[in-house]
Amino acid sequence: MNLDFNLADFFKLPTKIMFAIALASGLILFLPDSIVTKMYMVDFRNKYGFAIGLLFLISFSILIVTVLVSVYKYFSHLYFMKKFRATAKPRLQGLNDYQKAIVYSLYMEDNHTGELPLHDGAVKLLKQNIIITETTNQYAVSDLNNAVFPYMLQPWVIEELQKDNELLSTFHKAFNKMNDKYKFQNQYDASYPHFPY
């Protein structure tokens, strides 16, 4: 039987396995002789004590570092989410009328979802600012030059608009302004009788 041991694979073990290795090697090292004798591992501990100790130190260190990194990521995520929520209203107020009109058109849909032009700069910016997101990775497009893709509002945007009537009113006004602008510009074009979103 040939067992190939690769040190790099050891460091890639899942946290649960690393914890089990640290626990098992720690028990063999630190349990009293009476208990180790009952497990018939005294000779094993005496013969391979250095290797068991090294295994314990490495696995325990990796486990501690993994836990610390996870705790740091968790609390930093909470901090950034709190900061993100605190600046939600100013970020929404900072959108231009065209972007507000797009957001409002999605907000007025029952499922807050609609098709938006894929190559539109305002749509890209809304996506980049985590205001909208795609609902799917793949979508059939009939016209590649004027491709549309389904987008939905992020839940935090919906919450902000629902709880703040003043903010919702500014988005509604921007939507009406854009709708009127497109009606005026396209009054002789039957294919675009209103704001396209």
N, C-alpha and C. Protein backbone atom coordinates (compact mmCIF):
# COMPACT_ATOMS: atom_id res chain seq x y z
N MET A 1 0.84 -1.18 0.00
CA MET A 1 0.00 0.00 0.00
C MET A 1 0.89 1.24 0.00
N ASN A 2 0.64 2.13 -0.97
CA ASN A 2 1.48 3.31 -1.14
C ASN A 2 0.66 4.55 -0.79
N LEU A 3 1.06 5.29 0.26
CA LEU A 3 0.37 6.52 0.64
C LEU A 3 1.27 7.70 0.30
N ASP A 4 0.82 8.51 -0.64
CA ASP A 4 1.57 9.70 -1.01
C ASP A 4 1.09 10.86 -0.11
N PHE A 5 2.00 11.42 0.66
CA PHE A 5 1.66 12.53 1.54
C PHE A 5 2.17 13.83 0.93
N ASN A 6 1.27 14.71 0.66
CA ASN A 6 1.63 16.02 0.11
C ASN A 6 1.35 17.07 1.18
N LEU A 7 2.38 17.79 1.59
CA LEU A 7 2.25 18.79 2.65
C LEU A 7 1.27 19.89 2.28
N ALA A 8 1.24 20.27 1.02
CA ALA A 8 0.32 21.33 0.57
C ALA A 8 -1.13 20.90 0.76
N ASP A 9 -1.43 19.61 0.53
CA ASP A 9 -2.79 19.12 0.73
C ASP A 9 -3.19 19.17 2.19
N PHE A 10 -2.23 18.98 3.10
CA PHE A 10 -2.53 19.05 4.53
C PHE A 10 -3.04 20.44 4.91
N PHE A 11 -2.41 21.48 4.35
CA PHE A 11 -2.80 22.84 4.68
C PHE A 11 -4.14 23.24 4.06
N LYS A 12 -4.63 22.46 3.10
CA LYS A 12 -5.91 22.76 2.45
C LYS A 12 -7.08 22.02 3.09
N LEU A 13 -6.80 21.25 4.15
CA LEU A 13 -7.87 20.49 4.79
C LEU A 13 -8.93 21.43 5.35
N PRO A 14 -10.20 20.99 5.35
CA PRO A 14 -11.27 21.82 5.91
C PRO A 14 -11.07 22.06 7.41
N THR A 15 -11.69 23.09 7.91
CA THR A 15 -11.54 23.48 9.32
C THR A 15 -11.97 22.36 10.25
N LYS A 16 -13.05 21.65 9.91
CA LYS A 16 -13.53 20.56 10.77
C LYS A 16 -12.47 19.47 10.91
N ILE A 17 -11.83 19.12 9.80
CA ILE A 17 -10.80 18.08 9.82
C ILE A 17 -9.58 18.57 10.62
N MET A 18 -9.22 19.84 10.42
CA MET A 18 -8.08 20.41 11.14
C MET A 18 -8.36 20.42 12.64
N PHE A 19 -9.61 20.72 13.03
CA PHE A 19 -9.98 20.70 14.44
C PHE A 19 -9.88 19.28 15.00
N ALA A 20 -10.35 18.31 14.23
CA ALA A 20 -10.30 16.91 14.67
C ALA A 20 -8.85 16.44 14.86
N ILE A 21 -7.96 16.83 13.93
CA ILE A 21 -6.54 16.45 14.04
C ILE A 21 -5.92 17.10 15.28
N ALA A 22 -6.21 18.40 15.48
CA ALA A 22 -5.67 19.10 16.65
C ALA A 22 -6.19 18.49 17.95
N LEU A 23 -7.46 18.15 17.97
CA LEU A 23 -8.06 17.54 19.16
C LEU A 23 -7.47 16.17 19.45
N ALA A 24 -7.38 15.33 18.42
CA ALA A 24 -6.86 13.97 18.61
C ALA A 24 -5.39 13.99 19.04
N SER A 25 -4.58 14.79 18.36
CA SER A 25 -3.16 14.83 18.73
C SER A 25 -2.98 15.47 20.10
N GLY A 26 -3.79 16.45 20.43
CA GLY A 26 -3.73 17.08 21.75
C GLY A 26 -4.11 16.12 22.86
N LEU A 27 -5.14 15.30 22.61
CA LEU A 27 -5.54 14.30 23.61
C LEU A 27 -4.43 13.29 23.85
N ILE A 28 -3.81 12.81 22.78
CA ILE A 28 -2.72 11.83 22.94
C ILE A 28 -1.57 12.45 23.72
N LEU A 29 -1.28 13.72 23.49
CA LEU A 29 -0.16 14.38 24.17
C LEU A 29 -0.46 14.72 25.63
N PHE A 30 -1.64 15.22 25.90
CA PHE A 30 -1.89 15.84 27.20
C PHE A 30 -2.75 15.03 28.18
N LEU A 31 -3.36 13.95 27.72
CA LEU A 31 -4.13 13.12 28.65
C LEU A 31 -3.19 12.43 29.63
N PRO A 32 -3.67 12.19 30.84
CA PRO A 32 -2.83 11.47 31.82
C PRO A 32 -2.47 10.07 31.34
N ASP A 33 -1.33 9.56 31.83
CA ASP A 33 -0.86 8.24 31.43
C ASP A 33 -1.89 7.15 31.67
N SER A 34 -2.68 7.26 32.73
CA SER A 34 -3.68 6.22 33.03
C SER A 34 -4.70 6.09 31.91
N ILE A 35 -5.12 7.19 31.36
CA ILE A 35 -6.11 7.16 30.27
C ILE A 35 -5.46 6.70 28.97
N VAL A 36 -4.25 7.19 28.71
CA VAL A 36 -3.55 6.80 27.48
C VAL A 36 -3.24 5.30 27.52
N THR A 37 -2.95 4.78 28.68
CA THR A 37 -2.69 3.34 28.83
C THR A 37 -3.93 2.54 28.47
N LYS A 38 -5.09 3.01 28.90
CA LYS A 38 -6.34 2.32 28.59
C LYS A 38 -6.62 2.33 27.08
N MET A 39 -6.10 3.31 26.38
CA MET A 39 -6.29 3.38 24.92
C MET A 39 -5.17 2.65 24.18
N TYR A 40 -4.24 2.04 24.93
CA TYR A 40 -3.11 1.30 24.35
C TYR A 40 -2.28 2.19 23.42
N MET A 41 -2.06 3.43 23.84
CA MET A 41 -1.32 4.36 23.00
C MET A 41 -0.06 4.90 23.68
N VAL A 42 0.35 4.31 24.79
CA VAL A 42 1.54 4.78 25.49
C VAL A 42 2.77 4.58 24.63
N ASP A 43 2.93 3.39 24.06
CA ASP A 43 4.09 3.12 23.21
C ASP A 43 4.09 4.02 21.97
N PHE A 44 2.91 4.20 21.41
CA PHE A 44 2.79 5.07 20.23
C PHE A 44 3.21 6.50 20.57
N ARG A 45 2.76 7.00 21.74
CA ARG A 45 3.11 8.36 22.16
C ARG A 45 4.61 8.48 22.43
N ASN A 46 5.17 7.47 23.06
CA ASN A 46 6.60 7.51 23.36
C ASN A 46 7.45 7.44 22.10
N LYS A 47 6.99 6.64 21.12
CA LYS A 47 7.76 6.45 19.89
C LYS A 47 7.65 7.65 18.95
N TYR A 48 6.42 8.17 18.82
CA TYR A 48 6.18 9.24 17.84
C TYR A 48 5.80 10.57 18.51
N GLY A 49 6.20 10.78 19.73
CA GLY A 49 5.84 11.98 20.48
C GLY A 49 6.20 13.28 19.78
N PHE A 50 7.41 13.31 19.19
CA PHE A 50 7.84 14.53 18.51
C PHE A 50 6.92 14.83 17.32
N ALA A 51 6.62 13.81 16.53
CA ALA A 51 5.76 14.00 15.34
C ALA A 51 4.34 14.39 15.76
N ILE A 52 3.84 13.77 16.83
CA ILE A 52 2.49 14.10 17.32
C ILE A 52 2.46 15.54 17.82
N GLY A 53 3.50 15.93 18.55
CA GLY A 53 3.58 17.31 19.04
C GLY A 53 3.66 18.31 17.91
N LEU A 54 4.44 18.01 16.90
CA LEU A 54 4.55 18.89 15.73
C LEU A 54 3.22 18.99 15.00
N LEU A 55 2.54 17.85 14.84
CA LEU A 55 1.23 17.81 14.19
C LEU A 55 0.23 18.66 14.99
N PHE A 56 0.28 18.54 16.31
CA PHE A 56 -0.62 19.31 17.16
C PHE A 56 -0.36 20.81 17.02
N LEU A 57 0.89 21.21 17.08
CA LEU A 57 1.23 22.63 16.98
C LEU A 57 0.80 23.23 15.63
N ILE A 58 1.08 22.51 14.57
CA ILE A 58 0.75 23.03 13.23
C ILE A 58 -0.77 23.10 13.05
N SER A 59 -1.47 22.01 13.36
CA SER A 59 -2.92 21.99 13.16
C SER A 59 -3.63 22.97 14.08
N PHE A 60 -3.16 23.10 15.32
CA PHE A 60 -3.77 24.04 16.26
C PHE A 60 -3.52 25.48 15.81
N SER A 61 -2.33 25.77 15.32
CA SER A 61 -2.01 27.11 14.83
C SER A 61 -2.86 27.48 13.62
N ILE A 62 -2.98 26.54 12.69
CA ILE A 62 -3.81 26.79 11.50
C ILE A 62 -5.26 27.02 11.91
N LEU A 63 -5.73 26.22 12.87
CA LEU A 63 -7.10 26.35 13.36
C LEU A 63 -7.32 27.72 14.00
N ILE A 64 -6.39 28.17 14.83
CA ILE A 64 -6.52 29.48 15.48
C ILE A 64 -6.52 30.60 14.45
N VAL A 65 -5.61 30.53 13.49
CA VAL A 65 -5.55 31.57 12.46
C VAL A 65 -6.84 31.58 11.64
N THR A 66 -7.36 30.41 11.29
CA THR A 66 -8.60 30.31 10.52
C THR A 66 -9.76 30.93 11.29
N VAL A 67 -9.85 30.61 12.58
CA VAL A 67 -10.92 31.16 13.41
C VAL A 67 -10.80 32.68 13.52
N LEU A 68 -9.59 33.18 13.73
CA LEU A 68 -9.38 34.62 13.85
C LEU A 68 -9.73 35.35 12.55
N VAL A 69 -9.34 34.77 11.43
CA VAL A 69 -9.66 35.38 10.13
C VAL A 69 -11.18 35.38 9.91
N SER A 70 -11.84 34.28 10.26
CA SER A 70 -13.31 34.20 10.10
C SER A 70 -14.01 35.22 10.97
N VAL A 71 -13.56 35.36 12.22
CA VAL A 71 -14.16 36.35 13.13
C VAL A 71 -13.93 37.76 12.60
N TYR A 72 -12.72 38.04 12.11
CA TYR A 72 -12.42 39.36 11.55
C TYR A 72 -13.32 39.66 10.35
N LYS A 73 -13.45 38.67 9.45
CA LYS A 73 -14.29 38.87 8.26
C LYS A 73 -15.74 39.12 8.66
N TYR A 74 -16.22 38.38 9.65
CA TYR A 74 -17.61 38.51 10.10
C TYR A 74 -17.88 39.92 10.63
N PHE A 75 -16.99 40.39 11.54
CA PHE A 75 -17.21 41.70 12.14
C PHE A 75 -16.94 42.84 11.17
N SER A 76 -15.98 42.65 10.26
CA SER A 76 -15.74 43.70 9.26
C SER A 76 -16.92 43.78 8.28
N HIS A 77 -17.52 42.62 7.97
CA HIS A 77 -18.72 42.62 7.12
C HIS A 77 -19.87 43.35 7.82
N LEU A 78 -20.06 43.09 9.13
CA LEU A 78 -21.10 43.79 9.88
C LEU A 78 -20.85 45.30 9.89
N TYR A 79 -19.59 45.68 10.07
CA TYR A 79 -19.24 47.11 10.10
C TYR A 79 -19.53 47.76 8.75
N PHE A 80 -19.09 47.12 7.66
CA PHE A 80 -19.30 47.70 6.34
C PHE A 80 -20.79 47.73 5.96
N MET A 81 -21.54 46.71 6.40
CA MET A 81 -22.98 46.71 6.12
C MET A 81 -23.67 47.84 6.88
N LYS A 82 -23.25 48.08 8.14
CA LYS A 82 -23.81 49.17 8.93
C LYS A 82 -23.50 50.50 8.27
N LYS A 83 -22.26 50.66 7.83
CA LYS A 83 -21.85 51.89 7.15
C LYS A 83 -22.59 52.05 5.82
N PHE A 84 -22.76 50.93 5.11
CA PHE A 84 -23.48 50.92 3.83
C PHE A 84 -24.92 51.38 4.03
N ARG A 85 -25.58 50.86 5.09
CA ARG A 85 -26.96 51.22 5.38
C ARG A 85 -27.08 52.68 5.82
N ALA A 86 -26.08 53.16 6.57
CA ALA A 86 -26.12 54.54 7.07
C ALA A 86 -26.04 55.55 5.94
N THR A 87 -25.38 55.20 4.85
CA THR A 87 -25.22 56.11 3.71
C THR A 87 -26.18 55.80 2.58
N ALA A 88 -27.20 54.97 2.85
CA ALA A 88 -28.12 54.54 1.79
C ALA A 88 -28.89 55.71 1.19
N LYS A 89 -29.51 56.52 2.05
CA LYS A 89 -30.34 57.62 1.54
C LYS A 89 -29.52 58.64 0.76
N PRO A 90 -28.36 59.10 1.28
CA PRO A 90 -27.57 60.06 0.48
C PRO A 90 -27.12 59.50 -0.87
N ARG A 91 -26.82 58.20 -0.91
CA ARG A 91 -26.41 57.62 -2.20
C ARG A 91 -27.57 57.60 -3.18
N LEU A 92 -28.77 57.31 -2.69
CA LEU A 92 -29.94 57.30 -3.57
C LEU A 92 -30.30 58.72 -4.01
N GLN A 93 -30.17 59.69 -3.09
CA GLN A 93 -30.46 61.08 -3.44
C GLN A 93 -29.45 61.63 -4.45
N GLY A 94 -28.24 61.07 -4.46
CA GLY A 94 -27.19 61.54 -5.36
C GLY A 94 -27.33 61.07 -6.79
N LEU A 95 -28.29 60.20 -7.06
CA LEU A 95 -28.50 59.72 -8.43
C LEU A 95 -29.08 60.84 -9.28
N ASN A 96 -28.78 60.81 -10.57
CA ASN A 96 -29.39 61.81 -11.45
C ASN A 96 -30.81 61.38 -11.80
N ASP A 97 -31.56 62.27 -12.47
CA ASP A 97 -32.98 62.01 -12.77
C ASP A 97 -33.17 60.75 -13.61
N TYR A 98 -32.29 60.54 -14.55
CA TYR A 98 -32.39 59.36 -15.42
C TYR A 98 -32.25 58.07 -14.61
N GLN A 99 -31.27 58.06 -13.72
CA GLN A 99 -31.05 56.87 -12.88
C GLN A 99 -32.21 56.67 -11.91
N LYS A 100 -32.70 57.76 -11.34
CA LYS A 100 -33.85 57.68 -10.44
C LYS A 100 -35.08 57.14 -11.17
N ALA A 101 -35.25 57.56 -12.43
CA ALA A 101 -36.39 57.09 -13.21
C ALA A 101 -36.30 55.58 -13.45
N ILE A 102 -35.10 55.09 -13.71
CA ILE A 102 -34.91 53.64 -13.89
C ILE A 102 -35.26 52.90 -12.60
N VAL A 103 -34.75 53.41 -11.48
CA VAL A 103 -35.03 52.77 -10.18
C VAL A 103 -36.52 52.80 -9.89
N TYR A 104 -37.16 53.93 -10.14
CA TYR A 104 -38.60 54.04 -9.86
C TYR A 104 -39.42 53.10 -10.75
N SER A 105 -39.01 52.97 -12.01
CA SER A 105 -39.75 52.06 -12.91
C SER A 105 -39.67 50.61 -12.41
N LEU A 106 -38.52 50.23 -11.86
CA LEU A 106 -38.39 48.88 -11.28
C LEU A 106 -39.18 48.78 -9.97
N TYR A 107 -39.17 49.85 -9.19
CA TYR A 107 -39.88 49.85 -7.91
C TYR A 107 -41.38 49.67 -8.12
N MET A 108 -41.92 50.24 -9.19
CA MET A 108 -43.37 50.18 -9.43
C MET A 108 -43.83 48.81 -9.92
N GLU A 109 -42.91 47.98 -10.38
CA GLU A 109 -43.28 46.62 -10.77
C GLU A 109 -43.60 45.79 -9.53
N ASP A 110 -44.54 44.87 -9.65
CA ASP A 110 -44.93 44.03 -8.50
C ASP A 110 -43.75 43.24 -7.95
N ASN A 111 -42.93 42.73 -8.85
CA ASN A 111 -41.78 41.93 -8.41
C ASN A 111 -40.47 42.73 -8.44
N HIS A 112 -40.57 44.04 -8.66
CA HIS A 112 -39.42 44.95 -8.70
C HIS A 112 -38.36 44.49 -9.71
N THR A 113 -38.85 43.91 -10.80
CA THR A 113 -37.96 43.37 -11.84
C THR A 113 -38.40 43.88 -13.20
N GLY A 114 -37.43 44.15 -14.07
CA GLY A 114 -37.77 44.58 -15.42
C GLY A 114 -36.56 44.47 -16.33
N GLU A 115 -36.82 44.55 -17.62
CA GLU A 115 -35.74 44.49 -18.61
C GLU A 115 -35.15 45.88 -18.80
N LEU A 116 -33.83 45.93 -18.74
CA LEU A 116 -33.12 47.19 -18.94
C LEU A 116 -32.05 46.99 -20.01
N PRO A 117 -31.68 48.06 -20.72
CA PRO A 117 -30.66 47.92 -21.76
C PRO A 117 -29.31 47.54 -21.17
N LEU A 118 -28.73 46.52 -21.73
CA LEU A 118 -27.48 45.96 -21.21
C LEU A 118 -26.30 46.92 -21.37
N HIS A 119 -26.32 47.73 -22.43
CA HIS A 119 -25.18 48.59 -22.74
C HIS A 119 -25.38 50.03 -22.29
N ASP A 120 -26.35 50.27 -21.45
CA ASP A 120 -26.64 51.61 -20.96
C ASP A 120 -25.70 51.94 -19.79
N GLY A 121 -25.03 53.10 -19.86
CA GLY A 121 -24.09 53.50 -18.82
C GLY A 121 -24.75 53.68 -17.47
N ALA A 122 -25.98 54.21 -17.45
CA ALA A 122 -26.69 54.42 -16.18
C ALA A 122 -27.01 53.09 -15.52
N VAL A 123 -27.38 52.10 -16.32
CA VAL A 123 -27.67 50.77 -15.80
C VAL A 123 -26.41 50.16 -15.21
N LYS A 124 -25.30 50.30 -15.92
CA LYS A 124 -24.01 49.78 -15.42
C LYS A 124 -23.64 50.43 -14.09
N LEU A 125 -23.85 51.75 -14.00
CA LEU A 125 -23.51 52.46 -12.78
C LEU A 125 -24.42 52.03 -11.62
N LEU A 126 -25.69 51.83 -11.88
CA LEU A 126 -26.61 51.35 -10.84
C LEU A 126 -26.22 49.96 -10.35
N LYS A 127 -25.79 49.13 -11.28
CA LYS A 127 -25.33 47.79 -10.90
C LYS A 127 -24.05 47.88 -10.07
N GLN A 128 -23.13 48.71 -10.49
CA GLN A 128 -21.85 48.86 -9.80
C GLN A 128 -22.05 49.39 -8.38
N ASN A 129 -23.06 50.23 -8.18
CA ASN A 129 -23.34 50.79 -6.86
C ASN A 129 -24.29 49.92 -6.04
N ILE A 130 -24.51 48.70 -6.47
CA ILE A 130 -25.32 47.70 -5.77
C ILE A 130 -26.75 48.21 -5.54
N ILE A 131 -27.29 48.91 -6.52
CA ILE A 131 -28.67 49.38 -6.46
C ILE A 131 -29.57 48.42 -7.21
N ILE A 132 -29.06 47.86 -8.32
CA ILE A 132 -29.78 46.82 -9.06
C ILE A 132 -28.84 45.64 -9.27
N THR A 133 -29.42 44.51 -9.61
CA THR A 133 -28.62 43.32 -9.92
C THR A 133 -29.35 42.49 -10.97
N GLU A 134 -28.59 41.68 -11.70
CA GLU A 134 -29.21 40.80 -12.70
C GLU A 134 -29.99 39.70 -11.99
N THR A 135 -31.05 39.26 -12.64
CA THR A 135 -31.82 38.16 -12.06
C THR A 135 -31.38 36.80 -12.59
N THR A 136 -30.56 36.81 -13.63
CA THR A 136 -30.10 35.56 -14.23
C THR A 136 -28.74 35.78 -14.88
N ASN A 137 -28.05 34.68 -15.17
CA ASN A 137 -26.75 34.78 -15.84
C ASN A 137 -26.88 34.72 -17.36
N GLN A 138 -27.93 34.07 -17.83
CA GLN A 138 -28.13 33.92 -19.27
C GLN A 138 -29.54 34.36 -19.63
N TYR A 139 -29.65 35.00 -20.80
CA TYR A 139 -30.95 35.51 -21.22
C TYR A 139 -30.96 35.60 -22.74
N ALA A 140 -32.03 35.13 -23.35
CA ALA A 140 -32.13 35.17 -24.81
C ALA A 140 -32.36 36.60 -25.27
N VAL A 141 -31.55 37.03 -26.23
CA VAL A 141 -31.63 38.39 -26.75
C VAL A 141 -31.92 38.33 -28.24
N SER A 142 -32.93 39.08 -28.67
CA SER A 142 -33.30 39.05 -30.09
C SER A 142 -32.49 40.07 -30.90
N ASP A 143 -32.13 41.19 -30.29
CA ASP A 143 -31.38 42.24 -30.99
C ASP A 143 -30.10 42.52 -30.22
N LEU A 144 -28.96 42.10 -30.76
CA LEU A 144 -27.70 42.28 -30.06
C LEU A 144 -27.29 43.75 -29.94
N ASN A 145 -27.72 44.58 -30.86
CA ASN A 145 -27.38 46.00 -30.81
C ASN A 145 -28.15 46.74 -29.72
N ASN A 146 -29.35 46.26 -29.43
CA ASN A 146 -30.19 46.88 -28.38
C ASN A 146 -30.57 45.80 -27.36
N ALA A 147 -29.58 45.12 -26.84
CA ALA A 147 -29.83 44.00 -25.93
C ALA A 147 -30.41 44.49 -24.61
N VAL A 148 -31.40 43.75 -24.13
CA VAL A 148 -31.98 44.03 -22.81
C VAL A 148 -31.77 42.82 -21.93
N PHE A 149 -31.74 43.07 -20.62
CA PHE A 149 -31.46 42.01 -19.66
C PHE A 149 -32.33 42.25 -18.43
N PRO A 150 -32.83 41.19 -17.80
CA PRO A 150 -33.68 41.40 -16.62
C PRO A 150 -32.86 41.80 -15.39
N TYR A 151 -33.27 42.89 -14.77
CA TYR A 151 -32.64 43.39 -13.55
C TYR A 151 -33.70 43.53 -12.47
N MET A 152 -33.25 43.48 -11.23
CA MET A 152 -34.15 43.71 -10.11
C MET A 152 -33.51 44.69 -9.13
N LEU A 153 -34.37 45.34 -8.36
CA LEU A 153 -33.87 46.25 -7.33
C LEU A 153 -33.31 45.45 -6.16
N GLN A 154 -32.24 45.95 -5.57
CA GLN A 154 -31.70 45.32 -4.37
C GLN A 154 -32.70 45.56 -3.23
N PRO A 155 -32.83 44.60 -2.31
CA PRO A 155 -33.81 44.74 -1.21
C PRO A 155 -33.63 46.01 -0.37
N TRP A 156 -32.38 46.45 -0.18
CA TRP A 156 -32.18 47.65 0.65
C TRP A 156 -32.76 48.89 -0.01
N VAL A 157 -32.77 48.93 -1.35
CA VAL A 157 -33.34 50.08 -2.07
C VAL A 157 -34.85 50.10 -1.87
N ILE A 158 -35.48 48.94 -1.99
CA ILE A 158 -36.92 48.82 -1.79
C ILE A 158 -37.29 49.29 -0.38
N GLU A 159 -36.53 48.85 0.61
CA GLU A 159 -36.79 49.22 2.01
C GLU A 159 -36.67 50.74 2.19
N GLU A 160 -35.62 51.33 1.61
CA GLU A 160 -35.43 52.78 1.75
C GLU A 160 -36.58 53.56 1.11
N LEU A 161 -37.03 53.12 -0.06
CA LEU A 161 -38.13 53.82 -0.73
C LEU A 161 -39.45 53.61 0.00
N GLN A 162 -39.65 52.44 0.59
CA GLN A 162 -40.90 52.18 1.30
C GLN A 162 -41.00 52.97 2.60
N LYS A 163 -39.88 53.18 3.26
CA LYS A 163 -39.94 53.84 4.56
C LYS A 163 -39.81 55.36 4.49
N ASP A 164 -39.44 55.90 3.32
CA ASP A 164 -39.21 57.34 3.20
C ASP A 164 -40.06 57.90 2.05
N ASN A 165 -41.21 58.50 2.40
CA ASN A 165 -42.12 59.03 1.38
C ASN A 165 -41.51 60.20 0.61
N GLU A 166 -40.70 61.00 1.29
CA GLU A 166 -40.06 62.13 0.63
C GLU A 166 -39.09 61.66 -0.45
N LEU A 167 -38.31 60.64 -0.13
CA LEU A 167 -37.37 60.06 -1.10
C LEU A 167 -38.13 59.45 -2.27
N LEU A 168 -39.20 58.72 -1.97
CA LEU A 168 -40.02 58.10 -3.01
C LEU A 168 -40.61 59.17 -3.93
N SER A 169 -41.01 60.30 -3.33
CA SER A 169 -41.59 61.39 -4.12
C SER A 169 -40.58 61.97 -5.10
N THR A 170 -39.32 62.10 -4.69
CA THR A 170 -38.29 62.62 -5.61
C THR A 170 -38.06 61.66 -6.76
N PHE A 171 -38.12 60.35 -6.48
CA PHE A 171 -37.96 59.36 -7.55
C PHE A 171 -39.16 59.40 -8.50
N HIS A 172 -40.35 59.59 -7.94
CA HIS A 172 -41.55 59.68 -8.77
C HIS A 172 -41.49 60.91 -9.68
N LYS A 173 -41.05 62.04 -9.14
CA LYS A 173 -40.92 63.26 -9.95
C LYS A 173 -39.89 63.07 -11.07
N ALA A 174 -38.78 62.41 -10.74
CA ALA A 174 -37.75 62.16 -11.76
C ALA A 174 -38.30 61.26 -12.87
N PHE A 175 -39.09 60.28 -12.48
CA PHE A 175 -39.69 59.37 -13.47
C PHE A 175 -40.62 60.15 -14.39
N ASN A 176 -41.49 61.00 -13.82
CA ASN A 176 -42.42 61.80 -14.64
C ASN A 176 -41.66 62.75 -15.55
N LYS A 177 -40.58 63.35 -15.02
CA LYS A 177 -39.76 64.27 -15.82
C LYS A 177 -39.15 63.56 -17.03
N MET A 178 -38.59 62.36 -16.80
CA MET A 178 -38.00 61.59 -17.90
C MET A 178 -39.07 61.11 -18.88
N ASN A 179 -40.22 60.74 -18.35
CA ASN A 179 -41.32 60.27 -19.21
C ASN A 179 -41.78 61.40 -20.12
N ASP A 180 -41.94 62.61 -19.53
CA ASP A 180 -42.34 63.77 -20.34
C ASP A 180 -41.28 64.12 -21.38
N LYS A 181 -40.03 64.04 -21.00
CA LYS A 181 -38.92 64.34 -21.92
C LYS A 181 -38.94 63.39 -23.11
N TYR A 182 -39.14 62.10 -22.85
CA TYR A 182 -39.15 61.13 -23.94
C TYR A 182 -40.39 61.27 -24.81
N LYS A 183 -41.51 61.65 -24.19
CA LYS A 183 -42.72 61.88 -24.99
C LYS A 183 -42.49 63.02 -25.96
N PHE A 184 -41.86 64.10 -25.46
CA PHE A 184 -41.60 65.26 -26.31
C PHE A 184 -40.62 64.92 -27.43
N GLN A 185 -39.53 64.22 -27.09
CA GLN A 185 -38.50 63.91 -28.08
C GLN A 185 -39.00 62.91 -29.12
N ASN A 186 -39.91 62.04 -28.72
CA ASN A 186 -40.33 60.96 -29.61
C ASN A 186 -41.81 61.06 -29.98
N GLN A 187 -42.36 62.27 -29.99
CA GLN A 187 -43.79 62.40 -30.23
C GLN A 187 -44.20 61.96 -31.64
N TYR A 188 -43.24 61.95 -32.58
CA TYR A 188 -43.56 61.50 -33.93
C TYR A 188 -43.09 60.07 -34.19
N ASP A 189 -42.54 59.44 -33.16
CA ASP A 189 -42.02 58.08 -33.30
C ASP A 189 -42.90 57.13 -32.49
N ALA A 190 -43.71 56.35 -33.17
CA ALA A 190 -44.68 55.47 -32.49
C ALA A 190 -44.01 54.36 -31.70
N SER A 191 -42.76 54.04 -32.05
CA SER A 191 -42.09 52.94 -31.35
C SER A 191 -41.61 53.35 -29.95
N TYR A 192 -41.51 54.68 -29.68
CA TYR A 192 -41.08 55.14 -28.36
C TYR A 192 -42.07 56.20 -27.83
N PRO A 193 -43.28 55.78 -27.47
CA PRO A 193 -44.25 56.78 -27.03
C PRO A 193 -44.06 57.26 -25.59
N HIS A 194 -43.21 56.63 -24.80
CA HIS A 194 -43.04 57.01 -23.40
C HIS A 194 -41.62 56.65 -22.94
N PHE A 195 -41.34 56.99 -21.71
CA PHE A 195 -40.03 56.64 -21.13
C PHE A 195 -39.84 55.14 -21.30
N PRO A 196 -38.71 54.71 -21.87
CA PRO A 196 -38.57 53.31 -22.30
C PRO A 196 -38.52 52.29 -21.18
N TYR A 197 -38.43 52.68 -19.94
CA TYR A 197 -38.36 51.70 -18.84
C TYR A 197 -39.64 51.72 -18.04
